[in-house]
Amino acid sequence: MRFSLLFDSKPRLSVVAFFLGVLTFLAFFWQWHSFGLYEDDYAFIGAMMNRSWGEMLDTILRDTMEL
């Protein structure tokens, strides 16, 4: 019994599987650039938006040191 369904003697099945994989990838990531921040996202990042780069780095380092 053969367990390899994608790479058997029928190369058409491999080609179809490849194109289905590419199509699935494109369909999943096609609109990634239009995703934005929503109101619930600001609850998590709102405090960091008003900080300078130095304050943000201090916060990140302090939070990682607590782990």
N, C-alpha and C. Protein backbone atom coordinates (compact mmCIF):
# COMPACT_ATOMS: atom_id res chain seq x y z
N MET A 1 0.84 -1.18 0.00
CA MET A 1 0.00 0.00 0.00
C MET A 1 0.89 1.24 0.00
N ARG A 2 0.57 2.18 -0.86
CA ARG A 2 1.36 3.40 -0.96
C ARG A 2 0.77 4.48 -0.06
N PHE A 3 1.64 5.12 0.70
CA PHE A 3 1.19 6.17 1.60
C PHE A 3 1.42 7.56 1.03
N SER A 4 2.18 7.66 -0.02
CA SER A 4 2.48 8.96 -0.60
C SER A 4 1.40 9.33 -1.61
N LEU A 5 0.53 10.23 -1.21
CA LEU A 5 -0.55 10.64 -2.11
C LEU A 5 -0.14 11.79 -3.02
N LEU A 6 0.83 12.61 -2.58
CA LEU A 6 1.19 13.78 -3.38
C LEU A 6 2.29 13.49 -4.39
N PHE A 7 3.16 12.56 -4.10
CA PHE A 7 4.31 12.34 -4.97
C PHE A 7 4.35 10.91 -5.48
N ASP A 8 3.26 10.46 -6.04
CA ASP A 8 3.24 9.11 -6.60
C ASP A 8 3.54 9.19 -8.10
N SER A 9 3.18 8.19 -8.82
CA SER A 9 3.52 8.13 -10.24
C SER A 9 2.69 9.10 -11.08
N LYS A 10 1.73 9.73 -10.50
CA LYS A 10 0.91 10.68 -11.24
C LYS A 10 1.39 12.09 -10.93
N PRO A 11 2.18 12.69 -11.80
CA PRO A 11 2.69 14.03 -11.52
C PRO A 11 1.60 15.09 -11.52
N ARG A 12 0.47 14.80 -12.14
CA ARG A 12 -0.63 15.78 -12.13
C ARG A 12 -1.10 16.09 -10.73
N LEU A 13 -1.14 15.09 -9.87
CA LEU A 13 -1.60 15.29 -8.51
C LEU A 13 -0.66 16.21 -7.75
N SER A 14 0.63 16.10 -7.98
CA SER A 14 1.61 16.98 -7.34
C SER A 14 1.43 18.42 -7.82
N VAL A 15 1.18 18.58 -9.10
CA VAL A 15 0.99 19.93 -9.66
C VAL A 15 -0.28 20.55 -9.10
N VAL A 16 -1.33 19.78 -9.04
CA VAL A 16 -2.60 20.29 -8.50
C VAL A 16 -2.43 20.65 -7.03
N ALA A 17 -1.75 19.81 -6.26
CA ALA A 17 -1.53 20.09 -4.85
C ALA A 17 -0.70 21.35 -4.67
N PHE A 18 0.31 21.55 -5.52
CA PHE A 18 1.14 22.75 -5.45
C PHE A 18 0.31 24.00 -5.74
N PHE A 19 -0.47 23.98 -6.80
CA PHE A 19 -1.27 25.15 -7.14
C PHE A 19 -2.36 25.43 -6.11
N LEU A 20 -2.92 24.40 -5.52
CA LEU A 20 -3.88 24.61 -4.44
C LEU A 20 -3.21 25.25 -3.23
N GLY A 21 -1.99 24.84 -2.94
CA GLY A 21 -1.24 25.46 -1.85
C GLY A 21 -0.95 26.92 -2.12
N VAL A 22 -0.53 27.24 -3.34
CA VAL A 22 -0.27 28.63 -3.71
C VAL A 22 -1.55 29.45 -3.67
N LEU A 23 -2.63 28.91 -4.17
CA LEU A 23 -3.91 29.60 -4.15
C LEU A 23 -4.38 29.86 -2.73
N THR A 24 -4.21 28.88 -1.85
CA THR A 24 -4.60 29.05 -0.46
C THR A 24 -3.76 30.13 0.20
N PHE A 25 -2.46 30.13 -0.05
CA PHE A 25 -1.58 31.15 0.51
C PHE A 25 -1.99 32.54 0.04
N LEU A 26 -2.22 32.69 -1.25
CA LEU A 26 -2.61 34.00 -1.79
C LEU A 26 -3.95 34.46 -1.25
N ALA A 27 -4.90 33.54 -1.13
CA ALA A 27 -6.22 33.92 -0.63
C ALA A 27 -6.13 34.34 0.84
N PHE A 28 -5.24 33.72 1.58
CA PHE A 28 -5.13 34.03 3.01
C PHE A 28 -4.45 35.38 3.22
N PHE A 29 -3.42 35.72 2.43
CA PHE A 29 -2.63 36.93 2.65
C PHE A 29 -2.91 38.04 1.64
N TRP A 30 -3.92 37.91 0.81
CA TRP A 30 -4.18 38.90 -0.25
C TRP A 30 -4.49 40.28 0.32
N GLN A 31 -5.25 40.37 1.37
CA GLN A 31 -5.68 41.66 1.92
C GLN A 31 -4.95 42.04 3.20
N TRP A 32 -3.76 41.53 3.45
CA TRP A 32 -3.07 41.80 4.70
C TRP A 32 -2.77 43.28 4.87
N HIS A 33 -2.54 44.00 3.79
CA HIS A 33 -2.20 45.42 3.89
C HIS A 33 -3.38 46.28 4.32
N SER A 34 -4.59 45.79 4.17
CA SER A 34 -5.74 46.60 4.56
C SER A 34 -6.18 46.36 6.00
N PHE A 35 -5.54 45.41 6.68
CA PHE A 35 -5.87 45.20 8.08
C PHE A 35 -5.31 46.36 8.89
N GLY A 36 -6.11 46.89 9.77
CA GLY A 36 -5.67 48.03 10.56
C GLY A 36 -5.89 47.82 12.03
N LEU A 37 -5.78 48.90 12.75
CA LEU A 37 -6.03 48.85 14.18
C LEU A 37 -7.51 49.11 14.43
N TYR A 38 -8.06 48.35 15.33
CA TYR A 38 -9.46 48.51 15.68
C TYR A 38 -9.54 49.03 17.12
N GLU A 39 -10.74 49.38 17.56
CA GLU A 39 -10.88 50.00 18.86
C GLU A 39 -10.38 49.14 20.01
N ASP A 40 -10.51 47.84 19.91
CA ASP A 40 -10.01 46.99 21.00
C ASP A 40 -8.49 46.90 20.99
N ASP A 41 -7.84 47.18 19.86
CA ASP A 41 -6.39 47.17 19.82
C ASP A 41 -5.80 48.34 20.61
N TYR A 42 -6.50 49.46 20.61
CA TYR A 42 -5.99 50.63 21.32
C TYR A 42 -5.95 50.42 22.83
N ALA A 43 -6.74 49.50 23.35
CA ALA A 43 -6.70 49.20 24.78
C ALA A 43 -5.35 48.60 25.16
N PHE A 44 -4.72 47.91 24.23
CA PHE A 44 -3.43 47.27 24.52
C PHE A 44 -2.25 48.16 24.17
N ILE A 45 -2.36 48.95 23.12
CA ILE A 45 -1.21 49.72 22.67
C ILE A 45 -1.37 51.22 22.87
N GLY A 46 -2.50 51.66 23.39
CA GLY A 46 -2.76 53.09 23.52
C GLY A 46 -1.75 53.80 24.39
N ALA A 47 -1.34 53.20 25.50
CA ALA A 47 -0.38 53.84 26.40
C ALA A 47 0.99 53.98 25.75
N MET A 48 1.36 53.04 24.93
CA MET A 48 2.68 53.08 24.29
C MET A 48 2.74 54.08 23.13
N MET A 49 1.60 54.47 22.58
CA MET A 49 1.60 55.36 21.43
C MET A 49 2.06 56.76 21.77
N ASN A 50 1.90 57.18 23.02
CA ASN A 50 2.27 58.54 23.42
C ASN A 50 3.65 58.62 24.05
N ARG A 51 4.40 57.55 24.04
CA ARG A 51 5.72 57.53 24.66
C ARG A 51 6.81 57.75 23.62
N SER A 52 7.94 58.24 24.11
CA SER A 52 9.10 58.38 23.22
C SER A 52 9.77 57.01 23.05
N TRP A 53 10.71 56.95 22.13
CA TRP A 53 11.41 55.69 21.89
C TRP A 53 12.18 55.26 23.14
N GLY A 54 12.76 56.21 23.84
CA GLY A 54 13.51 55.88 25.06
C GLY A 54 12.61 55.32 26.15
N GLU A 55 11.44 55.94 26.34
CA GLU A 55 10.49 55.43 27.34
C GLU A 55 9.98 54.05 26.95
N MET A 56 9.75 53.85 25.66
CA MET A 56 9.28 52.54 25.21
C MET A 56 10.33 51.46 25.45
N LEU A 57 11.59 51.78 25.16
CA LEU A 57 12.67 50.83 25.39
C LEU A 57 12.82 50.52 26.88
N ASP A 58 12.73 51.56 27.73
CA ASP A 58 12.79 51.33 29.18
C ASP A 58 11.66 50.41 29.65
N THR A 59 10.46 50.62 29.15
CA THR A 59 9.33 49.79 29.53
C THR A 59 9.53 48.34 29.09
N ILE A 60 10.00 48.16 27.87
CA ILE A 60 10.22 46.80 27.36
C ILE A 60 11.30 46.10 28.17
N LEU A 61 12.40 46.80 28.45
CA LEU A 61 13.48 46.19 29.22
C LEU A 61 13.03 45.87 30.64
N ARG A 62 12.28 46.77 31.25
CA ARG A 62 11.79 46.53 32.61
C ARG A 62 10.84 45.34 32.65
N ASP A 63 9.95 45.25 31.66
CA ASP A 63 8.99 44.13 31.64
C ASP A 63 9.69 42.80 31.37
N THR A 64 10.73 42.81 30.54
CA THR A 64 11.43 41.55 30.28
C THR A 64 12.29 41.12 31.45
N MET A 65 12.77 42.07 32.23
CA MET A 65 13.58 41.72 33.40
C MET A 65 12.73 41.11 34.51
N GLU A 66 11.44 41.43 34.53
CA GLU A 66 10.55 40.90 35.55
C GLU A 66 10.25 39.42 35.32
N LEU A 67 10.44 38.96 34.10
CA LEU A 67 10.16 37.55 33.80
C LEU A 67 11.20 36.72 34.44
